Amino acid sequence: MRLDRRTLAAAQAAYYAPTALAPLLSRRVFERVTGPKTEWWLVMTVSALVGAVAGSLALAARGPVTAETAVLGAGCAVGMGLVDVTYVCRRRISPVYLLDAAVQLPIAAAWVIGVSRG
């Protein structure tokens, strides 16, 4: 069974929204889960960007999903998944980020090879 693009966009938006909100709601809880951060401005920057992508994907899910939206969804998922894996392997970030990679990389694959138009 293949997902349609609208369903995938909605699912990715639903995953990204809490990801974007988490550091805004509680730095202490966020760092308890993901490990301490020395560059909090960078966490806020990523949060803002992930939130913008979530909003864009959620809006796109309301109608026909364009190629531009597919590139946005796939590109973000590939980028975030590869960053997770790379920096866990380099021991720069907590292994908990591999859980995120386990979600991001299948999302990327679905955009690239597994979704039908719609």
PDB file of N, CA and C in Angstrom:
ATOM      1  N   MET A   1       0.837  -1.189   0.000  1.00  0.00           N
ATOM      2  CA  MET A   1       0.000   0.000   0.000  1.00  0.00           C
ATOM      3  C   MET A   1       0.881   1.251   0.000  1.00  0.00           C
ATOM      4  N   ARG A   2       0.577   2.177  -0.902  1.00  0.00           N
ATOM      5  CA  ARG A   2       1.344   3.408  -0.992  1.00  0.00           C
ATOM      6  C   ARG A   2       0.555   4.561  -0.377  1.00  0.00           C
ATOM      7  N   LEU A   3       1.261   5.412   0.316  1.00  0.00           N
ATOM      8  CA  LEU A   3       0.643   6.615   0.857  1.00  0.00           C
ATOM      9  C   LEU A   3       0.450   7.635  -0.250  1.00  0.00           C
ATOM     10  N   ASP A   4      -0.571   8.452  -0.114  1.00  0.00           N
ATOM     11  CA  ASP A   4      -0.655   9.579  -1.032  1.00  0.00           C
ATOM     12  C   ASP A   4       0.090  10.761  -0.402  1.00  0.00           C
ATOM     13  N   ARG A   5       0.430  11.725  -1.212  1.00  0.00           N
ATOM     14  CA  ARG A   5       1.246  12.860  -0.765  1.00  0.00           C
ATOM     15  C   ARG A   5       0.555  13.684   0.316  1.00  0.00           C
ATOM     16  N   ARG A   6      -0.739  13.818   0.249  1.00  0.00           N
ATOM     17  CA  ARG A   6      -1.454  14.594   1.263  1.00  0.00           C
ATOM     18  C   ARG A   6      -1.339  13.944   2.636  1.00  0.00           C
ATOM     19  N   THR A   7      -1.498  12.633   2.671  1.00  0.00           N
ATOM     20  CA  THR A   7      -1.392  11.906   3.940  1.00  0.00           C
ATOM     21  C   THR A   7       0.024  11.999   4.495  1.00  0.00           C
ATOM     22  N   LEU A   8       1.008  11.857   3.632  1.00  0.00           N
ATOM     23  CA  LEU A   8       2.399  11.943   4.079  1.00  0.00           C
ATOM     24  C   LEU A   8       2.724  13.347   4.581  1.00  0.00           C
ATOM     25  N   ALA A   9       2.272  14.368   3.866  1.00  0.00           N
ATOM     26  CA  ALA A   9       2.509  15.747   4.310  1.00  0.00           C
ATOM     27  C   ALA A   9       1.874  15.987   5.677  1.00  0.00           C
ATOM     28  N   ALA A  10       0.660  15.501   5.869  1.00  0.00           N
ATOM     29  CA  ALA A  10      -0.026  15.671   7.158  1.00  0.00           C
ATOM     30  C   ALA A  10       0.700  14.924   8.269  1.00  0.00           C
ATOM     31  N   ALA A  11       1.145  13.715   7.984  1.00  0.00           N
ATOM     32  CA  ALA A  11       1.853  12.925   8.998  1.00  0.00           C
ATOM     33  C   ALA A  11       3.178  13.573   9.385  1.00  0.00           C
ATOM     34  N   GLN A  12       3.906  14.057   8.393  1.00  0.00           N
ATOM     35  CA  GLN A  12       5.186  14.702   8.686  1.00  0.00           C
ATOM     36  C   GLN A  12       4.959  15.994   9.475  1.00  0.00           C
ATOM     37  N   ALA A  13       3.952  16.749   9.119  1.00  0.00           N
ATOM     38  CA  ALA A  13       3.621  17.968   9.867  1.00  0.00           C
ATOM     39  C   ALA A  13       3.276  17.635  11.310  1.00  0.00           C
ATOM     40  N   ALA A  14       2.507  16.572  11.503  1.00  0.00           N
ATOM     41  CA  ALA A  14       2.119  16.166  12.857  1.00  0.00           C
ATOM     42  C   ALA A  14       3.324  15.733  13.683  1.00  0.00           C
ATOM     43  N   TYR A  15       4.326  15.155  13.048  1.00  0.00           N
ATOM     44  CA  TYR A  15       5.550  14.771  13.749  1.00  0.00           C
ATOM     45  C   TYR A  15       6.424  15.993  14.034  1.00  0.00           C
ATOM     46  N   TYR A  16       6.511  16.904  13.073  1.00  0.00           N
ATOM     47  CA  TYR A  16       7.387  18.060  13.224  1.00  0.00           C
ATOM     48  C   TYR A  16       6.856  19.089  14.216  1.00  0.00           C
ATOM     49  N   ALA A  17       5.551  19.258  14.316  1.00  0.00           N
ATOM     50  CA  ALA A  17       5.002  20.290  15.193  1.00  0.00           C
ATOM     51  C   ALA A  17       5.441  20.122  16.648  1.00  0.00           C
ATOM     52  N   PRO A  18       5.286  18.946  17.257  1.00  0.00           N
ATOM     53  CA  PRO A  18       5.765  18.813  18.639  1.00  0.00           C
ATOM     54  C   PRO A  18       7.290  18.893  18.740  1.00  0.00           C
ATOM     55  N   THR A  19       7.977  18.464  17.689  1.00  0.00           N
ATOM     56  CA  THR A  19       9.438  18.589  17.666  1.00  0.00           C
ATOM     57  C   THR A  19       9.830  20.060  17.756  1.00  0.00           C
ATOM     58  N   ALA A  20       9.107  20.910  17.047  1.00  0.00           N
ATOM     59  CA  ALA A  20       9.393  22.340  17.067  1.00  0.00           C
ATOM     60  C   ALA A  20       9.012  22.978  18.401  1.00  0.00           C
ATOM     61  N   LEU A  21       7.925  22.524  18.986  1.00  0.00           N
ATOM     62  CA  LEU A  21       7.433  23.129  20.220  1.00  0.00           C
ATOM     63  C   LEU A  21       8.193  22.687  21.472  1.00  0.00           C
ATOM     64  N   ALA A  22       8.734  21.490  21.466  1.00  0.00           N
ATOM     65  CA  ALA A  22       9.343  20.924  22.673  1.00  0.00           C
ATOM     66  C   ALA A  22      10.356  21.847  23.348  1.00  0.00           C
ATOM     67  N   PRO A  23      11.353  22.382  22.634  1.00  0.00           N
ATOM     68  CA  PRO A  23      12.317  23.233  23.338  1.00  0.00           C
ATOM     69  C   PRO A  23      11.717  24.564  23.802  1.00  0.00           C
ATOM     70  N   LEU A  24      10.642  25.003  23.169  1.00  0.00           N
ATOM     71  CA  LEU A  24       9.997  26.247  23.581  1.00  0.00           C
ATOM     72  C   LEU A  24       9.212  26.068  24.871  1.00  0.00           C
ATOM     73  N   LEU A  25       8.686  24.873  25.082  1.00  0.00           N
ATOM     74  CA  LEU A  25       7.848  24.610  26.251  1.00  0.00           C
ATOM     75  C   LEU A  25       8.668  24.449  27.520  1.00  0.00           C
ATOM     76  N   SER A  26       9.791  23.736  27.431  1.00  0.00           N
ATOM     77  CA  SER A  26      10.623  23.538  28.621  1.00  0.00           C
ATOM     78  C   SER A  26      12.039  23.150  28.216  1.00  0.00           C
ATOM     79  N   ARG A  27      12.958  24.075  28.427  1.00  0.00           N
ATOM     80  CA  ARG A  27      14.361  23.765  28.141  1.00  0.00           C
ATOM     81  C   ARG A  27      14.840  22.607  29.013  1.00  0.00           C
ATOM     82  N   ARG A  28      14.449  22.624  30.264  1.00  0.00           N
ATOM     83  CA  ARG A  28      14.905  21.593  31.202  1.00  0.00           C
ATOM     84  C   ARG A  28      14.458  20.202  30.753  1.00  0.00           C
ATOM     85  N   VAL A  29      13.195  20.051  30.389  1.00  0.00           N
ATOM     86  CA  VAL A  29      12.686  18.753  29.938  1.00  0.00           C
ATOM     87  C   VAL A  29      13.322  18.369  28.606  1.00  0.00           C
ATOM     88  N   PHE A  30      13.422  19.326  27.698  1.00  0.00           N
ATOM     89  CA  PHE A  30      14.030  19.055  26.401  1.00  0.00           C
ATOM     90  C   PHE A  30      15.459  18.534  26.570  1.00  0.00           C
ATOM     91  N   GLU A  31      16.236  19.187  27.402  1.00  0.00           N
ATOM     92  CA  GLU A  31      17.622  18.751  27.612  1.00  0.00           C
ATOM     93  C   GLU A  31      17.704  17.450  28.406  1.00  0.00           C
ATOM     94  N   ARG A  32      16.724  17.183  29.241  1.00  0.00           N
ATOM     95  CA  ARG A  32      16.707  15.910  29.957  1.00  0.00           C
ATOM     96  C   ARG A  32      16.564  14.751  28.970  1.00  0.00           C
ATOM     97  N   VAL A  33      15.773  14.950  27.933  1.00  0.00           N
ATOM     98  CA  VAL A  33      15.545  13.916  26.924  1.00  0.00           C
ATOM     99  C   VAL A  33      16.687  13.846  25.918  1.00  0.00           C
ATOM    100  N   THR A  34      17.153  15.001  25.443  1.00  0.00           N
ATOM    101  CA  THR A  34      18.097  15.031  24.322  1.00  0.00           C
ATOM    102  C   THR A  34      19.541  15.271  24.721  1.00  0.00           C
ATOM    103  N   GLY A  35      19.780  15.602  25.981  1.00  0.00           N
ATOM    104  CA  GLY A  35      21.127  15.911  26.435  1.00  0.00           C
ATOM    105  C   GLY A  35      21.349  17.413  26.496  1.00  0.00           C
ATOM    106  N   PRO A  36      22.358  17.834  27.259  1.00  0.00           N
ATOM    107  CA  PRO A  36      22.620  19.267  27.423  1.00  0.00           C
ATOM    108  C   PRO A  36      23.058  19.927  26.116  1.00  0.00           C
ATOM    109  N   LYS A  37      22.693  21.183  25.981  1.00  0.00           N
ATOM    110  CA  LYS A  37      23.026  21.960  24.784  1.00  0.00           C
ATOM    111  C   LYS A  37      23.864  23.170  25.195  1.00  0.00           C
ATOM    112  N   THR A  38      24.954  23.393  24.491  1.00  0.00           N
ATOM    113  CA  THR A  38      25.795  24.554  24.778  1.00  0.00           C
ATOM    114  C   THR A  38      25.414  25.756  23.922  1.00  0.00           C
ATOM    115  N   GLU A  39      24.754  25.526  22.812  1.00  0.00           N
ATOM    116  CA  GLU A  39      24.364  26.590  21.896  1.00  0.00           C
ATOM    117  C   GLU A  39      22.836  26.654  21.811  1.00  0.00           C
ATOM    118  N   TRP A  40      22.207  27.250  22.822  1.00  0.00           N
ATOM    119  CA  TRP A  40      20.746  27.267  22.870  1.00  0.00           C
ATOM    120  C   TRP A  40      20.152  28.043  21.699  1.00  0.00           C
ATOM    121  N   TRP A  41      20.836  29.048  21.196  1.00  0.00           N
ATOM    122  CA  TRP A  41      20.348  29.792  20.036  1.00  0.00           C
ATOM    123  C   TRP A  41      20.171  28.862  18.839  1.00  0.00           C
ATOM    124  N   LEU A  42      21.041  27.857  18.719  1.00  0.00           N
ATOM    125  CA  LEU A  42      20.939  26.912  17.614  1.00  0.00           C
ATOM    126  C   LEU A  42      19.702  26.024  17.767  1.00  0.00           C
ATOM    127  N   VAL A  43      19.418  25.625  18.985  1.00  0.00           N
ATOM    128  CA  VAL A  43      18.194  24.857  19.252  1.00  0.00           C
ATOM    129  C   VAL A  43      16.971  25.684  18.861  1.00  0.00           C
ATOM    130  N   MET A  44      16.968  26.954  19.207  1.00  0.00           N
ATOM    131  CA  MET A  44      15.841  27.828  18.870  1.00  0.00           C
ATOM    132  C   MET A  44      15.737  28.026  17.351  1.00  0.00           C
ATOM    133  N   THR A  45      16.865  28.117  16.679  1.00  0.00           N
ATOM    134  CA  THR A  45      16.855  28.270  15.221  1.00  0.00           C
ATOM    135  C   THR A  45      16.260  27.037  14.555  1.00  0.00           C
ATOM    136  N   VAL A  46      16.705  25.867  14.967  1.00  0.00           N
ATOM    137  CA  VAL A  46      16.169  24.625  14.402  1.00  0.00           C
ATOM    138  C   VAL A  46      14.687  24.505  14.720  1.00  0.00           C
ATOM    139  N   SER A  47      14.307  24.865  15.929  1.00  0.00           N
ATOM    140  CA  SER A  47      12.896  24.820  16.320  1.00  0.00           C
ATOM    141  C   SER A  47      12.051  25.706  15.408  1.00  0.00           C
ATOM    142  N   ALA A  48      12.516  26.902  15.145  1.00  0.00           N
ATOM    143  CA  ALA A  48      11.770  27.813  14.278  1.00  0.00           C
ATOM    144  C   ALA A  48      11.650  27.254  12.858  1.00  0.00           C
ATOM    145  N   LEU A  49      12.729  26.714  12.344  1.00  0.00           N
ATOM    146  CA  LEU A  49      12.706  26.178  10.981  1.00  0.00           C
ATOM    147  C   LEU A  49      11.819  24.937  10.877  1.00  0.00           C
ATOM    148  N   VAL A  50      11.920  24.045  11.842  1.00  0.00           N
ATOM    149  CA  VAL A  50      11.084  22.845  11.836  1.00  0.00           C
ATOM    150  C   VAL A  50       9.612  23.241  11.977  1.00  0.00           C
ATOM    151  N   GLY A  51       9.329  24.254  12.776  1.00  0.00           N
ATOM    152  CA  GLY A  51       7.962  24.738  12.908  1.00  0.00           C
ATOM    153  C   GLY A  51       7.435  25.313  11.601  1.00  0.00           C
ATOM    154  N   ALA A  52       8.274  26.047  10.883  1.00  0.00           N
ATOM    155  CA  ALA A  52       7.863  26.595   9.588  1.00  0.00           C
ATOM    156  C   ALA A  52       7.595  25.484   8.581  1.00  0.00           C
ATOM    157  N   VAL A  53       8.430  24.464   8.585  1.00  0.00           N
ATOM    158  CA  VAL A  53       8.215  23.326   7.688  1.00  0.00           C
ATOM    159  C   VAL A  53       6.919  22.607   8.064  1.00  0.00           C
ATOM    160  N   ALA A  54       6.684  22.424   9.358  1.00  0.00           N
ATOM    161  CA  ALA A  54       5.441  21.771   9.802  1.00  0.00           C
ATOM    162  C   ALA A  54       4.226  22.544   9.317  1.00  0.00           C
ATOM    163  N   GLY A  55       4.260  23.852   9.451  1.00  0.00           N
ATOM    164  CA  GLY A  55       3.139  24.664   8.991  1.00  0.00           C
ATOM    165  C   GLY A  55       2.930  24.564   7.492  1.00  0.00           C
ATOM    166  N   SER A  56       4.014  24.602   6.747  1.00  0.00           N
ATOM    167  CA  SER A  56       3.934  24.496   5.293  1.00  0.00           C
ATOM    168  C   SER A  56       3.366  23.145   4.868  1.00  0.00           C
ATOM    169  N   LEU A  57       3.851  22.073   5.472  1.00  0.00           N
ATOM    170  CA  LEU A  57       3.357  20.735   5.141  1.00  0.00           C
ATOM    171  C   LEU A  57       1.890  20.574   5.524  1.00  0.00           C
ATOM    172  N   ALA A  58       1.497  21.124   6.665  1.00  0.00           N
ATOM    173  CA  ALA A  58       0.097  21.034   7.095  1.00  0.00           C
ATOM    174  C   ALA A  58      -0.819  21.762   6.114  1.00  0.00           C
ATOM    175  N   LEU A  59      -0.405  22.917   5.675  1.00  0.00           N
ATOM    176  CA  LEU A  59      -1.207  23.645   4.682  1.00  0.00           C
ATOM    177  C   LEU A  59      -1.255  22.895   3.359  1.00  0.00           C
ATOM    178  N   ALA A  60      -0.137  22.334   2.945  1.00  0.00           N
ATOM    179  CA  ALA A  60      -0.083  21.591   1.685  1.00  0.00           C
ATOM    180  C   ALA A  60      -0.991  20.371   1.716  1.00  0.00           C
ATOM    181  N   ALA A  61      -1.152  19.783   2.884  1.00  0.00           N
ATOM    182  CA  ALA A  61      -1.971  18.568   3.011  1.00  0.00           C
ATOM    183  C   ALA A  61      -3.449  18.832   2.742  1.00  0.00           C
ATOM    184  N   ARG A  62      -3.854  20.095   2.683  1.00  0.00           N
ATOM    185  CA  ARG A  62      -5.262  20.428   2.445  1.00  0.00           C
ATOM    186  C   ARG A  62      -5.661  20.323   0.987  1.00  0.00           C
ATOM    187  N   GLY A  63      -4.695  20.251   0.095  1.00  0.00           N
ATOM    188  CA  GLY A  63      -5.012  20.201  -1.335  1.00  0.00           C
ATOM    189  C   GLY A  63      -3.983  19.368  -2.067  1.00  0.00           C
ATOM    190  N   PRO A  64      -3.974  19.446  -3.375  1.00  0.00           N
ATOM    191  CA  PRO A  64      -2.961  18.698  -4.125  1.00  0.00           C
ATOM    192  C   PRO A  64      -1.554  19.128  -3.710  1.00  0.00           C
ATOM    193  N   VAL A  65      -0.703  18.167  -3.447  1.00  0.00           N
ATOM    194  CA  VAL A  65       0.658  18.441  -2.986  1.00  0.00           C
ATOM    195  C   VAL A  65       1.567  18.584  -4.202  1.00  0.00           C
ATOM    196  N   THR A  66       2.234  19.709  -4.269  1.00  0.00           N
ATOM    197  CA  THR A  66       3.099  20.015  -5.404  1.00  0.00           C
ATOM    198  C   THR A  66       4.462  19.344  -5.273  1.00  0.00           C
ATOM    199  N   ALA A  67       5.188  19.362  -6.359  1.00  0.00           N
ATOM    200  CA  ALA A  67       6.559  18.849  -6.351  1.00  0.00           C
ATOM    201  C   ALA A  67       7.423  19.643  -5.370  1.00  0.00           C
ATOM    202  N   GLU A  68       7.166  20.939  -5.259  1.00  0.00           N
ATOM    203  CA  GLU A  68       7.935  21.767  -4.324  1.00  0.00           C
ATOM    204  C   GLU A  68       7.742  21.303  -2.883  1.00  0.00           C
ATOM    205  N   THR A  69       6.524  20.944  -2.548  1.00  0.00           N
ATOM    206  CA  THR A  69       6.259  20.444  -1.200  1.00  0.00           C
ATOM    207  C   THR A  69       6.929  19.096  -0.978  1.00  0.00           C
ATOM    208  N   ALA A  70       6.915  18.243  -1.982  1.00  0.00           N
ATOM    209  CA  ALA A  70       7.585  16.945  -1.868  1.00  0.00           C
ATOM    210  C   ALA A  70       9.076  17.127  -1.650  1.00  0.00           C
ATOM    211  N   VAL A  71       9.668  18.083  -2.347  1.00  0.00           N
ATOM    212  CA  VAL A  71      11.100  18.357  -2.154  1.00  0.00           C
ATOM    213  C   VAL A  71      11.357  18.885  -0.749  1.00  0.00           C
ATOM    214  N   LEU A  72      10.496  19.759  -0.267  1.00  0.00           N
ATOM    215  CA  LEU A  72      10.625  20.280   1.096  1.00  0.00           C
ATOM    216  C   LEU A  72      10.545  19.141   2.111  1.00  0.00           C
ATOM    217  N   GLY A  73       9.524  18.307   1.989  1.00  0.00           N
ATOM    218  CA  GLY A  73       9.357  17.201   2.935  1.00  0.00           C
ATOM    219  C   GLY A  73      10.499  16.222   2.886  1.00  0.00           C
ATOM    220  N   ALA A  74      10.872  15.800   1.684  1.00  0.00           N
ATOM    221  CA  ALA A  74      11.972  14.839   1.539  1.00  0.00           C
ATOM    222  C   ALA A  74      13.294  15.439   1.985  1.00  0.00           C
ATOM    223  N   GLY A  75      13.556  16.666   1.561  1.00  0.00           N
ATOM    224  CA  GLY A  75      14.830  17.306   1.898  1.00  0.00           C
ATOM    225  C   GLY A  75      15.024  17.485   3.386  1.00  0.00           C
ATOM    226  N   CYS A  76      13.976  17.921   4.062  1.00  0.00           N
ATOM    227  CA  CYS A  76      14.078  18.091   5.520  1.00  0.00           C
ATOM    228  C   CYS A  76      14.283  16.754   6.217  1.00  0.00           C
ATOM    229  N   ALA A  77      13.541  15.750   5.800  1.00  0.00           N
ATOM    230  CA  ALA A  77      13.659  14.440   6.443  1.00  0.00           C
ATOM    231  C   ALA A  77      15.035  13.823   6.200  1.00  0.00           C
ATOM    232  N   VAL A  78      15.542  13.926   4.959  1.00  0.00           N
ATOM    233  CA  VAL A  78      16.882  13.407   4.668  1.00  0.00           C
ATOM    234  C   VAL A  78      17.924  14.154   5.492  1.00  0.00           C
ATOM    235  N   GLY A  79      17.852  15.477   5.445  1.00  0.00           N
ATOM    236  CA  GLY A  79      18.843  16.280   6.162  1.00  0.00           C
ATOM    237  C   GLY A  79      18.848  16.013   7.651  1.00  0.00           C
ATOM    238  N   MET A  80      17.668  16.022   8.258  1.00  0.00           N
ATOM    239  CA  MET A  80      17.606  15.816   9.701  1.00  0.00           C
ATOM    240  C   MET A  80      18.012  14.394  10.080  1.00  0.00           C
ATOM    241  N   GLY A  81      17.590  13.412   9.289  1.00  0.00           N
ATOM    242  CA  GLY A  81      17.966  12.026   9.575  1.00  0.00           C
ATOM    243  C   GLY A  81      19.462  11.798   9.462  1.00  0.00           C
ATOM    244  N   LEU A  82      20.077  12.353   8.419  1.00  0.00           N
ATOM    245  CA  LEU A  82      21.523  12.184   8.252  1.00  0.00           C
ATOM    246  C   LEU A  82      22.322  12.921   9.316  1.00  0.00           C
ATOM    247  N   VAL A  83      21.859  14.094   9.715  1.00  0.00           N
ATOM    248  CA  VAL A  83      22.516  14.812  10.810  1.00  0.00           C
ATOM    249  C   VAL A  83      22.430  13.989  12.096  1.00  0.00           C
ATOM    250  N   ASP A  84      21.257  13.432  12.360  1.00  0.00           N
ATOM    251  CA  ASP A  84      21.099  12.581  13.551  1.00  0.00           C
ATOM    252  C   ASP A  84      22.128  11.460  13.560  1.00  0.00           C
ATOM    253  N   VAL A  85      22.178  10.693  12.488  1.00  0.00           N
ATOM    254  CA  VAL A  85      23.067   9.532  12.424  1.00  0.00           C
ATOM    255  C   VAL A  85      24.527   9.963  12.477  1.00  0.00           C
ATOM    256  N   THR A  86      24.881  10.965  11.698  1.00  0.00           N
ATOM    257  CA  THR A  86      26.274  11.412  11.635  1.00  0.00           C
ATOM    258  C   THR A  86      26.785  11.866  12.993  1.00  0.00           C
ATOM    259  N   TYR A  87      26.020  12.700  13.674  1.00  0.00           N
ATOM    260  CA  TYR A  87      26.518  13.274  14.920  1.00  0.00           C
ATOM    261  C   TYR A  87      26.358  12.351  16.121  1.00  0.00           C
ATOM    262  N   VAL A  88      25.469  11.381  16.040  1.00  0.00           N
ATOM    263  CA  VAL A  88      25.472  10.329  17.062  1.00  0.00           C
ATOM    264  C   VAL A  88      26.742   9.483  16.895  1.00  0.00           C
ATOM    265  N   CYS A  89      27.059   9.129  15.649  1.00  0.00           N
ATOM    266  CA  CYS A  89      28.263   8.326  15.393  1.00  0.00           C
ATOM    267  C   CYS A  89      29.532   9.052  15.818  1.00  0.00           C
ATOM    268  N   ARG A  90      29.539  10.359  15.704  1.00  0.00           N
ATOM    269  CA  ARG A  90      30.697  11.166  16.133  1.00  0.00           C
ATOM    270  C   ARG A  90      30.670  11.470  17.623  1.00  0.00           C
ATOM    271  N   ARG A  91      29.638  10.981  18.306  1.00  0.00           N
ATOM    272  CA  ARG A  91      29.447  11.185  19.747  1.00  0.00           C
ATOM    273  C   ARG A  91      29.335  12.653  20.139  1.00  0.00           C
ATOM    274  N   ARG A  92      28.712  13.430  19.239  1.00  0.00           N
ATOM    275  CA  ARG A  92      28.483  14.848  19.513  1.00  0.00           C
ATOM    276  C   ARG A  92      27.093  15.086  20.084  1.00  0.00           C
ATOM    277  N   ILE A  93      26.150  14.174  19.792  1.00  0.00           N
ATOM    278  CA  ILE A  93      24.798  14.280  20.312  1.00  0.00           C
ATOM    279  C   ILE A  93      24.382  12.926  20.894  1.00  0.00           C
ATOM    280  N   SER A  94      23.342  12.965  21.685  1.00  0.00           N
ATOM    281  CA  SER A  94      22.853  11.775  22.387  1.00  0.00           C
ATOM    282  C   SER A  94      22.341  10.714  21.416  1.00  0.00           C
ATOM    283  N   PRO A  95      22.553   9.440  21.762  1.00  0.00           N
ATOM    284  CA  PRO A  95      21.986   8.356  20.945  1.00  0.00           C
ATOM    285  C   PRO A  95      20.464   8.398  20.824  1.00  0.00           C
ATOM    286  N   VAL A  96      19.785   9.162  21.672  1.00  0.00           N
ATOM    287  CA  VAL A  96      18.329   9.283  21.560  1.00  0.00           C
ATOM    288  C   VAL A  96      17.941   9.837  20.187  1.00  0.00           C
ATOM    289  N   TYR A  97      18.854  10.564  19.547  1.00  0.00           N
ATOM    290  CA  TYR A  97      18.562  11.109  18.216  1.00  0.00           C
ATOM    291  C   TYR A  97      18.440  10.021  17.156  1.00  0.00           C
ATOM    292  N   LEU A  98      18.904   8.822  17.452  1.00  0.00           N
ATOM    293  CA  LEU A  98      18.705   7.723  16.504  1.00  0.00           C
ATOM    294  C   LEU A  98      17.227   7.356  16.402  1.00  0.00           C
ATOM    295  N   LEU A  99      16.462   7.616  17.455  1.00  0.00           N
ATOM    296  CA  LEU A  99      15.019   7.407  17.383  1.00  0.00           C
ATOM    297  C   LEU A  99      14.403   8.367  16.371  1.00  0.00           C
ATOM    298  N   ASP A 100      14.889   9.595  16.355  1.00  0.00           N
ATOM    299  CA  ASP A 100      14.419  10.561  15.370  1.00  0.00           C
ATOM    300  C   ASP A 100      14.816  10.116  13.963  1.00  0.00           C
ATOM    301  N   ALA A 101      16.043   9.657  13.803  1.00  0.00           N
ATOM    302  CA  ALA A 101      16.493   9.178  12.483  1.00  0.00           C
ATOM    303  C   ALA A 101      15.627   8.013  12.013  1.00  0.00           C
ATOM    304  N   ALA A 102      15.197   7.182  12.942  1.00  0.00           N
ATOM    305  CA  ALA A 102      14.357   6.034  12.588  1.00  0.00           C
ATOM    306  C   ALA A 102      12.985   6.473  12.078  1.00  0.00           C
ATOM    307  N   VAL A 103      12.592   7.699  12.352  1.00  0.00           N
ATOM    308  CA  VAL A 103      11.351   8.255  11.807  1.00  0.00           C
ATOM    309  C   VAL A 103      11.651   9.058  10.537  1.00  0.00           C
ATOM    310  N   GLN A 104      12.703   9.878  10.595  1.00  0.00           N
ATOM    311  CA  GLN A 104      13.016  10.773   9.479  1.00  0.00           C
ATOM    312  C   GLN A 104      13.356  10.026   8.191  1.00  0.00           C
ATOM    313  N   LEU A 105      14.186   9.015   8.283  1.00  0.00           N
ATOM    314  CA  LEU A 105      14.651   8.354   7.065  1.00  0.00           C
ATOM    315  C   LEU A 105      13.543   7.595   6.338  1.00  0.00           C
ATOM    316  N   PRO A 106      12.637   6.906   7.021  1.00  0.00           N
ATOM    317  CA  PRO A 106      11.488   6.327   6.304  1.00  0.00           C
ATOM    318  C   PRO A 106      10.561   7.394   5.698  1.00  0.00           C
ATOM    319  N   ILE A 107      10.415   8.538   6.363  1.00  0.00           N
ATOM    320  CA  ILE A 107       9.633   9.630   5.768  1.00  0.00           C
ATOM    321  C   ILE A 107      10.287  10.059   4.463  1.00  0.00           C
ATOM    322  N   ALA A 108      11.598  10.228   4.488  1.00  0.00           N
ATOM    323  CA  ALA A 108      12.323  10.626   3.274  1.00  0.00           C
ATOM    324  C   ALA A 108      12.132   9.592   2.175  1.00  0.00           C
ATOM    325  N   ALA A 109      12.269   8.330   2.524  1.00  0.00           N
ATOM    326  CA  ALA A 109      12.096   7.269   1.524  1.00  0.00           C
ATOM    327  C   ALA A 109      10.688   7.278   0.953  1.00  0.00           C
ATOM    328  N   ALA A 110       9.695   7.530   1.794  1.00  0.00           N
ATOM    329  CA  ALA A 110       8.315   7.571   1.311  1.00  0.00           C
ATOM    330  C   ALA A 110       8.130   8.703   0.304  1.00  0.00           C
ATOM    331  N   TRP A 111       8.717   9.863   0.581  1.00  0.00           N
ATOM    332  CA  TRP A 111       8.614  10.964  -0.374  1.00  0.00           C
ATOM    333  C   TRP A 111       9.298  10.615  -1.691  1.00  0.00           C
ATOM    334  N   VAL A 112      10.448   9.981  -1.601  1.00  0.00           N
ATOM    335  CA  VAL A 112      11.243   9.731  -2.808  1.00  0.00           C
ATOM    336  C   VAL A 112      10.693   8.594  -3.637  1.00  0.00           C
ATOM    337  N   ILE A 113      10.331   7.476  -2.995  1.00  0.00           N
ATOM    338  CA  ILE A 113       9.955   6.302  -3.778  1.00  0.00           C
ATOM    339  C   ILE A 113       8.580   5.738  -3.476  1.00  0.00           C
ATOM    340  N   GLY A 114       7.982   6.153  -2.370  1.00  0.00           N
ATOM    341  CA  GLY A 114       6.808   5.406  -1.953  1.00  0.00           C
ATOM    342  C   GLY A 114       5.473   6.099  -2.010  1.00  0.00           C
ATOM    343  N   VAL A 115       5.412   7.331  -2.511  1.00  0.00           N
ATOM    344  CA  VAL A 115       4.116   8.007  -2.468  1.00  0.00           C
ATOM    345  C   VAL A 115       3.573   8.244  -3.869  1.00  0.00           C
ATOM    346  N   SER A 116       2.269   8.189  -3.943  1.00  0.00           N
ATOM    347  CA  SER A 116       1.604   8.486  -5.211  1.00  0.00           C
ATOM    348  C   SER A 116       1.190   9.958  -5.208  1.00  0.00           C
ATOM    349  N   ARG A 117       0.882  10.477  -6.351  1.00  0.00           N
ATOM    350  CA  ARG A 117       0.406  11.869  -6.437  1.00  0.00           C
ATOM    351  C   ARG A 117      -0.930  11.975  -5.718  1.00  0.00           C
ATOM    352  N   GLY A 118      -1.178  13.162  -5.208  1.00  0.00           N
ATOM    353  CA  GLY A 118      -2.466  13.383  -4.581  1.00  0.00           C
ATOM    354  C   GLY A 118      -2.384  14.325  -3.443  1.00  0.00           C
TER     355      GLY A 118
END
